[in-house]
Amino acid sequence: VGKQFALKHVTPYIQEIMSSDVFDDYKTALQEYAQQYKLVLEYEFVSKTGPEHKPEFCFIAKINGKQVGMGKGKNKAEAQFQAAKNAYNILKDRGLEN
């Protein structure tokens, strides 16, 4: 009974979440894009600001040496994720071929 309930009610919800932006891995998507077009993707550290107990990191995502996206976050991983997300969305708006 529990399994049937889960399959009927929970599975569609999980599928919806996984297809939304909540589950997108922008760093992976951007890396796959770069590999597909034989481009060089790198994340460059820009700055660390704020107090030690609450720092803010800033990174830029570069493709072939050109800045494509910038992101800020409370740690390096979050800042890189935001940079990748911004870069991916910019490239997506351009059609991901440029």
PDB file of N, CA and C in Angstrom:
ATOM      1  N   VAL A   1       0.828  -1.191   0.000  1.00  0.00           N
ATOM      2  CA  VAL A   1       0.000   0.000   0.000  1.00  0.00           C
ATOM      3  C   VAL A   1       0.875   1.258   0.000  1.00  0.00           C
ATOM      4  N   GLY A   2       1.902   1.292   0.843  1.00  0.00           N
ATOM      5  CA  GLY A   2       2.795   2.445   0.910  1.00  0.00           C
ATOM      6  C   GLY A   2       3.539   2.666  -0.389  1.00  0.00           C
ATOM      7  N   LYS A   3       3.977   1.582  -0.994  1.00  0.00           N
ATOM      8  CA  LYS A   3       4.714   1.674  -2.266  1.00  0.00           C
ATOM      9  C   LYS A   3       3.807   2.229  -3.363  1.00  0.00           C
ATOM     10  N   GLN A   4       2.585   1.751  -3.405  1.00  0.00           N
ATOM     11  CA  GLN A   4       1.638   2.224  -4.420  1.00  0.00           C
ATOM     12  C   GLN A   4       1.332   3.711  -4.231  1.00  0.00           C
ATOM     13  N   PHE A   5       1.179   4.127  -2.985  1.00  0.00           N
ATOM     14  CA  PHE A   5       0.938   5.540  -2.690  1.00  0.00           C
ATOM     15  C   PHE A   5       2.112   6.382  -3.178  1.00  0.00           C
ATOM     16  N   ALA A   6       3.327   5.927  -2.844  1.00  0.00           N
ATOM     17  CA  ALA A   6       4.520   6.669  -3.244  1.00  0.00           C
ATOM     18  C   ALA A   6       4.615   6.771  -4.759  1.00  0.00           C
ATOM     19  N   LEU A   7       4.400   5.661  -5.447  1.00  0.00           N
ATOM     20  CA  LEU A   7       4.488   5.677  -6.905  1.00  0.00           C
ATOM     21  C   LEU A   7       3.445   6.615  -7.521  1.00  0.00           C
ATOM     22  N   LYS A   8       2.265   6.624  -6.940  1.00  0.00           N
ATOM     23  CA  LYS A   8       1.187   7.438  -7.501  1.00  0.00           C
ATOM     24  C   LYS A   8       1.320   8.923  -7.173  1.00  0.00           C
ATOM     25  N   HIS A   9       1.731   9.230  -5.938  1.00  0.00           N
ATOM     26  CA  HIS A   9       1.702  10.619  -5.489  1.00  0.00           C
ATOM     27  C   HIS A   9       3.068  11.295  -5.381  1.00  0.00           C
ATOM     28  N   VAL A  10       4.076  10.552  -5.034  1.00  0.00           N
ATOM     29  CA  VAL A  10       5.385  11.150  -4.797  1.00  0.00           C
ATOM     30  C   VAL A  10       6.232  11.189  -6.066  1.00  0.00           C
ATOM     31  N   THR A  11       6.173  10.158  -6.876  1.00  0.00           N
ATOM     32  CA  THR A  11       7.005  10.086  -8.078  1.00  0.00           C
ATOM     33  C   THR A  11       6.796  11.281  -9.006  1.00  0.00           C
ATOM     34  N   PRO A  12       5.565  11.680  -9.314  1.00  0.00           N
ATOM     35  CA  PRO A  12       5.402  12.864 -10.184  1.00  0.00           C
ATOM     36  C   PRO A  12       6.016  14.132  -9.584  1.00  0.00           C
ATOM     37  N   TYR A  13       5.908  14.268  -8.271  1.00  0.00           N
ATOM     38  CA  TYR A  13       6.483  15.421  -7.593  1.00  0.00           C
ATOM     39  C   TYR A  13       8.001  15.422  -7.729  1.00  0.00           C
ATOM     40  N   ILE A  14       8.625  14.279  -7.523  1.00  0.00           N
ATOM     41  CA  ILE A  14      10.086  14.157  -7.649  1.00  0.00           C
ATOM     42  C   ILE A  14      10.515  14.444  -9.086  1.00  0.00           C
ATOM     43  N   GLN A  15       9.784  13.921 -10.048  1.00  0.00           N
ATOM     44  CA  GLN A  15      10.125  14.170 -11.454  1.00  0.00           C
ATOM     45  C   GLN A  15      10.022  15.652 -11.785  1.00  0.00           C
ATOM     46  N   GLU A  16       9.034  16.329 -11.226  1.00  0.00           N
ATOM     47  CA  GLU A  16       8.879  17.763 -11.462  1.00  0.00           C
ATOM     48  C   GLU A  16      10.056  18.539 -10.885  1.00  0.00           C
ATOM     49  N   ILE A  17      10.467  18.189  -9.674  1.00  0.00           N
ATOM     50  CA  ILE A  17      11.600  18.863  -9.047  1.00  0.00           C
ATOM     51  C   ILE A  17      12.870  18.623  -9.852  1.00  0.00           C
ATOM     52  N   MET A  18      13.093  17.395 -10.276  1.00  0.00           N
ATOM     53  CA  MET A  18      14.322  17.072 -11.007  1.00  0.00           C
ATOM     54  C   MET A  18      14.381  17.763 -12.351  1.00  0.00           C
ATOM     55  N   SER A  19      13.234  18.091 -12.940  1.00  0.00           N
ATOM     56  CA  SER A  19      13.246  18.769 -14.233  1.00  0.00           C
ATOM     57  C   SER A  19      13.284  20.293 -14.076  1.00  0.00           C
ATOM     58  N   SER A  20      13.191  20.782 -12.861  1.00  0.00           N
ATOM     59  CA  SER A  20      13.211  22.225 -12.633  1.00  0.00           C
ATOM     60  C   SER A  20      14.629  22.711 -12.410  1.00  0.00           C
ATOM     61  N   ASP A  21      14.793  24.034 -12.299  1.00  0.00           N
ATOM     62  CA  ASP A  21      16.100  24.634 -12.058  1.00  0.00           C
ATOM     63  C   ASP A  21      16.688  24.233 -10.716  1.00  0.00           C
ATOM     64  N   VAL A  22      15.844  23.791  -9.785  1.00  0.00           N
ATOM     65  CA  VAL A  22      16.332  23.434  -8.456  1.00  0.00           C
ATOM     66  C   VAL A  22      17.383  22.337  -8.544  1.00  0.00           C
ATOM     67  N   PHE A  23      17.220  21.416  -9.473  1.00  0.00           N
ATOM     68  CA  PHE A  23      18.129  20.278  -9.552  1.00  0.00           C
ATOM     69  C   PHE A  23      19.195  20.427 -10.635  1.00  0.00           C
ATOM     70  N   ASP A  24      19.201  21.532 -11.372  1.00  0.00           N
ATOM     71  CA  ASP A  24      20.186  21.715 -12.433  1.00  0.00           C
ATOM     72  C   ASP A  24      21.581  21.857 -11.848  1.00  0.00           C
ATOM     73  N   ASP A  25      22.516  21.175 -12.457  1.00  0.00           N
ATOM     74  CA  ASP A  25      23.917  21.309 -12.073  1.00  0.00           C
ATOM     75  C   ASP A  25      24.584  22.137 -13.163  1.00  0.00           C
ATOM     76  N   TYR A  26      24.618  23.416 -12.938  1.00  0.00           N
ATOM     77  CA  TYR A  26      25.117  24.330 -13.961  1.00  0.00           C
ATOM     78  C   TYR A  26      26.598  24.129 -14.256  1.00  0.00           C
ATOM     79  N   LYS A  27      27.386  23.775 -13.261  1.00  0.00           N
ATOM     80  CA  LYS A  27      28.808  23.555 -13.518  1.00  0.00           C
ATOM     81  C   LYS A  27      28.994  22.384 -14.476  1.00  0.00           C
ATOM     82  N   THR A  28      28.246  21.317 -14.279  1.00  0.00           N
ATOM     83  CA  THR A  28      28.341  20.163 -15.176  1.00  0.00           C
ATOM     84  C   THR A  28      27.839  20.525 -16.568  1.00  0.00           C
ATOM     85  N   ALA A  29      26.705  21.213 -16.636  1.00  0.00           N
ATOM     86  CA  ALA A  29      26.145  21.595 -17.934  1.00  0.00           C
ATOM     87  C   ALA A  29      27.109  22.489 -18.705  1.00  0.00           C
ATOM     88  N   LEU A  30      27.741  23.421 -18.005  1.00  0.00           N
ATOM     89  CA  LEU A  30      28.690  24.323 -18.650  1.00  0.00           C
ATOM     90  C   LEU A  30      29.938  23.563 -19.107  1.00  0.00           C
ATOM     91  N   GLN A  31      30.386  22.622 -18.286  1.00  0.00           N
ATOM     92  CA  GLN A  31      31.547  21.802 -18.652  1.00  0.00           C
ATOM     93  C   GLN A  31      31.235  20.953 -19.886  1.00  0.00           C
ATOM     94  N   GLU A  32      30.047  20.372 -19.932  1.00  0.00           N
ATOM     95  CA  GLU A  32      29.655  19.568 -21.094  1.00  0.00           C
ATOM     96  C   GLU A  32      29.564  20.419 -22.350  1.00  0.00           C
ATOM     97  N   TYR A  33      29.059  21.625 -22.205  1.00  0.00           N
ATOM     98  CA  TYR A  33      29.002  22.561 -23.328  1.00  0.00           C
ATOM     99  C   TYR A  33      30.411  22.853 -23.838  1.00  0.00           C
ATOM    100  N   ALA A  34      31.316  23.156 -22.916  1.00  0.00           N
ATOM    101  CA  ALA A  34      32.694  23.471 -23.299  1.00  0.00           C
ATOM    102  C   ALA A  34      33.349  22.279 -23.994  1.00  0.00           C
ATOM    103  N   GLN A  35      33.133  21.094 -23.467  1.00  0.00           N
ATOM    104  CA  GLN A  35      33.716  19.894 -24.080  1.00  0.00           C
ATOM    105  C   GLN A  35      33.137  19.644 -25.465  1.00  0.00           C
ATOM    106  N   GLN A  36      31.829  19.847 -25.610  1.00  0.00           N
ATOM    107  CA  GLN A  36      31.179  19.613 -26.891  1.00  0.00           C
ATOM    108  C   GLN A  36      31.773  20.482 -27.998  1.00  0.00           C
ATOM    109  N   TYR A  37      32.096  21.725 -27.670  1.00  0.00           N
ATOM    110  CA  TYR A  37      32.627  22.654 -28.662  1.00  0.00           C
ATOM    111  C   TYR A  37      34.137  22.837 -28.554  1.00  0.00           C
ATOM    112  N   LYS A  38      34.785  21.965 -27.769  1.00  0.00           N
ATOM    113  CA  LYS A  38      36.242  21.982 -27.589  1.00  0.00           C
ATOM    114  C   LYS A  38      36.737  23.353 -27.113  1.00  0.00           C
ATOM    115  N   LEU A  39      36.076  23.857 -26.087  1.00  0.00           N
ATOM    116  CA  LEU A  39      36.412  25.143 -25.499  1.00  0.00           C
ATOM    117  C   LEU A  39      37.052  24.927 -24.135  1.00  0.00           C
ATOM    118  N   VAL A  40      37.769  25.923 -23.672  1.00  0.00           N
ATOM    119  CA  VAL A  40      38.418  25.846 -22.366  1.00  0.00           C
ATOM    120  C   VAL A  40      37.568  26.610 -21.351  1.00  0.00           C
ATOM    121  N   LEU A  41      37.117  25.898 -20.326  1.00  0.00           N
ATOM    122  CA  LEU A  41      36.327  26.492 -19.253  1.00  0.00           C
ATOM    123  C   LEU A  41      37.188  26.586 -18.011  1.00  0.00           C
ATOM    124  N   GLU A  42      37.174  27.757 -17.385  1.00  0.00           N
ATOM    125  CA  GLU A  42      37.909  27.917 -16.132  1.00  0.00           C
ATOM    126  C   GLU A  42      37.149  28.870 -15.220  1.00  0.00           C
ATOM    127  N   TYR A  43      37.394  28.715 -13.932  1.00  0.00           N
ATOM    128  CA  TYR A  43      36.815  29.599 -12.930  1.00  0.00           C
ATOM    129  C   TYR A  43      37.956  30.379 -12.307  1.00  0.00           C
ATOM    130  N   GLU A  44      37.827  31.689 -12.322  1.00  0.00           N
ATOM    131  CA  GLU A  44      38.884  32.551 -11.798  1.00  0.00           C
ATOM    132  C   GLU A  44      38.407  33.246 -10.522  1.00  0.00           C
ATOM    133  N   PHE A  45      39.199  33.110  -9.488  1.00  0.00           N
ATOM    134  CA  PHE A  45      38.919  33.779  -8.227  1.00  0.00           C
ATOM    135  C   PHE A  45      39.097  35.269  -8.416  1.00  0.00           C
ATOM    136  N   VAL A  46      38.108  36.056  -7.968  1.00  0.00           N
ATOM    137  CA  VAL A  46      38.170  37.500  -8.102  1.00  0.00           C
ATOM    138  C   VAL A  46      38.454  38.153  -6.761  1.00  0.00           C
ATOM    139  N   SER A  47      37.648  37.787  -5.743  1.00  0.00           N
ATOM    140  CA  SER A  47      37.829  38.451  -4.457  1.00  0.00           C
ATOM    141  C   SER A  47      37.180  37.680  -3.322  1.00  0.00           C
ATOM    142  N   LYS A  48      37.619  38.042  -2.133  1.00  0.00           N
ATOM    143  CA  LYS A  48      36.998  37.586  -0.892  1.00  0.00           C
ATOM    144  C   LYS A  48      36.815  38.849  -0.060  1.00  0.00           C
ATOM    145  N   THR A  49      35.563  39.166   0.260  1.00  0.00           N
ATOM    146  CA  THR A  49      35.270  40.376   1.032  1.00  0.00           C
ATOM    147  C   THR A  49      34.474  40.006   2.275  1.00  0.00           C
ATOM    148  N   GLY A  50      34.297  40.981   3.111  1.00  0.00           N
ATOM    149  CA  GLY A  50      33.513  40.781   4.318  1.00  0.00           C
ATOM    150  C   GLY A  50      34.359  40.292   5.474  1.00  0.00           C
ATOM    151  N   PRO A  51      33.738  40.191   6.646  1.00  0.00           N
ATOM    152  CA  PRO A  51      34.463  39.733   7.831  1.00  0.00           C
ATOM    153  C   PRO A  51      34.763  38.233   7.758  1.00  0.00           C
ATOM    154  N   GLU A  52      35.740  37.804   8.522  1.00  0.00           N
ATOM    155  CA  GLU A  52      36.149  36.394   8.516  1.00  0.00           C
ATOM    156  C   GLU A  52      34.996  35.448   8.839  1.00  0.00           C
ATOM    157  N   HIS A  53      34.103  35.861   9.722  1.00  0.00           N
ATOM    158  CA  HIS A  53      33.006  34.980  10.120  1.00  0.00           C
ATOM    159  C   HIS A  53      31.860  34.959   9.098  1.00  0.00           C
ATOM    160  N   LYS A  54      31.906  35.869   8.128  1.00  0.00           N
ATOM    161  CA  LYS A  54      30.855  35.924   7.110  1.00  0.00           C
ATOM    162  C   LYS A  54      31.431  36.440   5.787  1.00  0.00           C
ATOM    163  N   PRO A  55      32.337  35.642   5.180  1.00  0.00           N
ATOM    164  CA  PRO A  55      32.967  36.116   3.943  1.00  0.00           C
ATOM    165  C   PRO A  55      32.033  35.995   2.741  1.00  0.00           C
ATOM    166  N   GLU A  56      32.351  36.756   1.707  1.00  0.00           N
ATOM    167  CA  GLU A  56      31.672  36.631   0.424  1.00  0.00           C
ATOM    168  C   GLU A  56      32.745  36.466  -0.650  1.00  0.00           C
ATOM    169  N   PHE A  57      32.638  35.382  -1.392  1.00  0.00           N
ATOM    170  CA  PHE A  57      33.593  35.069  -2.446  1.00  0.00           C
ATOM    171  C   PHE A  57      32.999  35.461  -3.790  1.00  0.00           C
ATOM    172  N   CYS A  58      33.868  35.831  -4.705  1.00  0.00           N
ATOM    173  CA  CYS A  58      33.450  36.182  -6.054  1.00  0.00           C
ATOM    174  C   CYS A  58      34.339  35.442  -7.053  1.00  0.00           C
ATOM    175  N   PHE A  59      33.710  34.783  -8.017  1.00  0.00           N
ATOM    176  CA  PHE A  59      34.409  34.072  -9.085  1.00  0.00           C
ATOM    177  C   PHE A  59      33.805  34.472 -10.419  1.00  0.00           C
ATOM    178  N   ILE A  60      34.609  34.370 -11.478  1.00  0.00           N
ATOM    179  CA  ILE A  60      34.083  34.518 -12.826  1.00  0.00           C
ATOM    180  C   ILE A  60      34.307  33.210 -13.576  1.00  0.00           C
ATOM    181  N   ALA A  61      33.365  32.904 -14.439  1.00  0.00           N
ATOM    182  CA  ALA A  61      33.483  31.757 -15.329  1.00  0.00           C
ATOM    183  C   ALA A  61      33.982  32.291 -16.660  1.00  0.00           C
ATOM    184  N   LYS A  62      35.043  31.674 -17.154  1.00  0.00           N
ATOM    185  CA  LYS A  62      35.626  32.090 -18.429  1.00  0.00           C
ATOM    186  C   LYS A  62      35.577  30.936 -19.423  1.00  0.00           C
ATOM    187  N   ILE A  63      35.288  31.275 -20.654  1.00  0.00           N
ATOM    188  CA  ILE A  63      35.366  30.306 -21.740  1.00  0.00           C
ATOM    189  C   ILE A  63      36.327  30.874 -22.759  1.00  0.00           C
ATOM    190  N   ASN A  64      37.374  30.110 -23.024  1.00  0.00           N
ATOM    191  CA  ASN A  64      38.450  30.547 -23.922  1.00  0.00           C
ATOM    192  C   ASN A  64      38.989  31.912 -23.514  1.00  0.00           C
ATOM    193  N   GLY A  65      39.110  32.118 -22.216  1.00  0.00           N
ATOM    194  CA  GLY A  65      39.702  33.337 -21.694  1.00  0.00           C
ATOM    195  C   GLY A  65      38.775  34.528 -21.599  1.00  0.00           C
ATOM    196  N   LYS A  66      37.534  34.386 -22.069  1.00  0.00           N
ATOM    197  CA  LYS A  66      36.579  35.490 -22.016  1.00  0.00           C
ATOM    198  C   LYS A  66      35.592  35.269 -20.872  1.00  0.00           C
ATOM    199  N   GLN A  67      35.365  36.327 -20.105  1.00  0.00           N
ATOM    200  CA  GLN A  67      34.400  36.238 -19.019  1.00  0.00           C
ATOM    201  C   GLN A  67      33.002  36.054 -19.586  1.00  0.00           C
ATOM    202  N   VAL A  68      32.321  35.029 -19.068  1.00  0.00           N
ATOM    203  CA  VAL A  68      30.960  34.762 -19.519  1.00  0.00           C
ATOM    204  C   VAL A  68      29.967  34.970 -18.379  1.00  0.00           C
ATOM    205  N   GLY A  69      30.370  34.673 -17.155  1.00  0.00           N
ATOM    206  CA  GLY A  69      29.471  34.834 -16.024  1.00  0.00           C
ATOM    207  C   GLY A  69      30.235  35.147 -14.757  1.00  0.00           C
ATOM    208  N   MET A  70      29.552  35.776 -13.812  1.00  0.00           N
ATOM    209  CA  MET A  70      30.155  36.079 -12.523  1.00  0.00           C
ATOM    210  C   MET A  70      29.195  35.631 -11.436  1.00  0.00           C
ATOM    211  N   GLY A  71      29.768  35.161 -10.318  1.00  0.00           N
ATOM    212  CA  GLY A  71      28.923  34.738  -9.218  1.00  0.00           C
ATOM    213  C   GLY A  71      29.536  35.035  -7.873  1.00  0.00           C
ATOM    214  N   LYS A  72      28.670  35.249  -6.905  1.00  0.00           N
ATOM    215  CA  LYS A  72      29.100  35.490  -5.529  1.00  0.00           C
ATOM    216  C   LYS A  72      28.425  34.476  -4.625  1.00  0.00           C
ATOM    217  N   GLY A  73      29.120  34.147  -3.518  1.00  0.00           N
ATOM    218  CA  GLY A  73      28.552  33.208  -2.570  1.00  0.00           C
ATOM    219  C   GLY A  73      29.289  33.220  -1.259  1.00  0.00           C
ATOM    220  N   LYS A  74      28.733  32.521  -0.276  1.00  0.00           N
ATOM    221  CA  LYS A  74      29.331  32.504   1.055  1.00  0.00           C
ATOM    222  C   LYS A  74      30.525  31.561   1.150  1.00  0.00           C
ATOM    223  N   ASN A  75      30.761  30.774   0.090  1.00  0.00           N
ATOM    224  CA  ASN A  75      31.965  29.944   0.003  1.00  0.00           C
ATOM    225  C   ASN A  75      32.363  29.840  -1.465  1.00  0.00           C
ATOM    226  N   LYS A  76      33.526  29.255  -1.715  1.00  0.00           N
ATOM    227  CA  LYS A  76      34.040  29.184  -3.084  1.00  0.00           C
ATOM    228  C   LYS A  76      33.126  28.373  -3.996  1.00  0.00           C
ATOM    229  N   ALA A  77      32.631  27.243  -3.491  1.00  0.00           N
ATOM    230  CA  ALA A  77      31.775  26.375  -4.309  1.00  0.00           C
ATOM    231  C   ALA A  77      30.492  27.098  -4.722  1.00  0.00           C
ATOM    232  N   GLU A  78      29.884  27.809  -3.799  1.00  0.00           N
ATOM    233  CA  GLU A  78      28.654  28.537  -4.111  1.00  0.00           C
ATOM    234  C   GLU A  78      28.915  29.652  -5.121  1.00  0.00           C
ATOM    235  N   ALA A  79      30.020  30.344  -4.973  1.00  0.00           N
ATOM    236  CA  ALA A  79      30.364  31.417  -5.910  1.00  0.00           C
ATOM    237  C   ALA A  79      30.625  30.851  -7.313  1.00  0.00           C
ATOM    238  N   GLN A  80      31.308  29.717  -7.397  1.00  0.00           N
ATOM    239  CA  GLN A  80      31.547  29.084  -8.696  1.00  0.00           C
ATOM    240  C   GLN A  80      30.237  28.598  -9.308  1.00  0.00           C
ATOM    241  N   PHE A  81      29.366  28.032  -8.476  1.00  0.00           N
ATOM    242  CA  PHE A  81      28.064  27.579  -8.963  1.00  0.00           C
ATOM    243  C   PHE A  81      27.280  28.754  -9.553  1.00  0.00           C
ATOM    244  N   GLN A  82      27.265  29.880  -8.847  1.00  0.00           N
ATOM    245  CA  GLN A  82      26.535  31.051  -9.332  1.00  0.00           C
ATOM    246  C   GLN A  82      27.155  31.594 -10.618  1.00  0.00           C
ATOM    247  N   ALA A  83      28.480  31.568 -10.708  1.00  0.00           N
ATOM    248  CA  ALA A  83      29.153  32.004 -11.937  1.00  0.00           C
ATOM    249  C   ALA A  83      28.776  31.086 -13.094  1.00  0.00           C
ATOM    250  N   ALA A  84      28.751  29.785 -12.839  1.00  0.00           N
ATOM    251  CA  ALA A  84      28.370  28.815 -13.872  1.00  0.00           C
ATOM    252  C   ALA A  84      26.917  29.011 -14.283  1.00  0.00           C
ATOM    253  N   LYS A  85      26.046  29.234 -13.309  1.00  0.00           N
ATOM    254  CA  LYS A  85      24.625  29.439 -13.603  1.00  0.00           C
ATOM    255  C   LYS A  85      24.439  30.678 -14.476  1.00  0.00           C
ATOM    256  N   ASN A  86      25.098  31.770 -14.111  1.00  0.00           N
ATOM    257  CA  ASN A  86      24.985  33.000 -14.900  1.00  0.00           C
ATOM    258  C   ASN A  86      25.544  32.805 -16.303  1.00  0.00           C
ATOM    259  N   ALA A  87      26.691  32.147 -16.399  1.00  0.00           N
ATOM    260  CA  ALA A  87      27.301  31.906 -17.709  1.00  0.00           C
ATOM    261  C   ALA A  87      26.410  31.013 -18.562  1.00  0.00           C
ATOM    262  N   TYR A  88      25.898  29.952 -17.965  1.00  0.00           N
ATOM    263  CA  TYR A  88      25.039  29.026 -18.701  1.00  0.00           C
ATOM    264  C   TYR A  88      23.796  29.740 -19.228  1.00  0.00           C
ATOM    265  N   ASN A  89      23.180  30.556 -18.382  1.00  0.00           N
ATOM    266  CA  ASN A  89      21.969  31.269 -18.805  1.00  0.00           C
ATOM    267  C   ASN A  89      22.264  32.283 -19.905  1.00  0.00           C
ATOM    268  N   ILE A  90      23.414  32.931 -19.839  1.00  0.00           N
ATOM    269  CA  ILE A  90      23.806  33.860 -20.901  1.00  0.00           C
ATOM    270  C   ILE A  90      24.009  33.104 -22.208  1.00  0.00           C
ATOM    271  N   LEU A  91      24.721  31.988 -22.133  1.00  0.00           N
ATOM    272  CA  LEU A  91      24.952  31.194 -23.342  1.00  0.00           C
ATOM    273  C   LEU A  91      23.649  30.602 -23.873  1.00  0.00           C
ATOM    274  N   LYS A  92      22.767  30.199 -22.971  1.00  0.00           N
ATOM    275  CA  LYS A  92      21.470  29.648 -23.375  1.00  0.00           C
ATOM    276  C   LYS A  92      20.664  30.713 -24.127  1.00  0.00           C
ATOM    277  N   ASP A  93      20.710  31.946 -23.637  1.00  0.00           N
ATOM    278  CA  ASP A  93      19.998  33.036 -24.319  1.00  0.00           C
ATOM    279  C   ASP A  93      20.581  33.314 -25.696  1.00  0.00           C
ATOM    280  N   ARG A  94      21.869  33.040 -25.852  1.00  0.00           N
ATOM    281  CA  ARG A  94      22.538  33.233 -27.151  1.00  0.00           C
ATOM    282  C   ARG A  94      22.376  32.016 -28.051  1.00  0.00           C
ATOM    283  N   GLY A  95      21.820  30.949 -27.543  1.00  0.00           N
ATOM    284  CA  GLY A  95      21.636  29.743 -28.338  1.00  0.00           C
ATOM    285  C   GLY A  95      22.693  28.686 -28.082  1.00  0.00           C
ATOM    286  N   LEU A  96      23.574  28.887 -27.131  1.00  0.00           N
ATOM    287  CA  LEU A  96      24.631  27.954 -26.732  1.00  0.00           C
ATOM    288  C   LEU A  96      25.597  27.580 -27.845  1.00  0.00           C
ATOM    289  N   GLU A  97      25.605  28.317 -28.945  1.00  0.00           N
ATOM    290  CA  GLU A  97      26.565  27.982 -30.001  1.00  0.00           C
ATOM    291  C   GLU A  97      27.684  29.002 -30.109  1.00  0.00           C
ATOM    292  N   ASN A  98      27.500  30.198 -29.558  1.00  0.00           N
ATOM    293  CA  ASN A  98      28.480  31.264 -29.750  1.00  0.00           C
ATOM    294  C   ASN A  98      29.620  31.170 -28.772  1.00  0.00           C
TER     295      ASN A  98
END
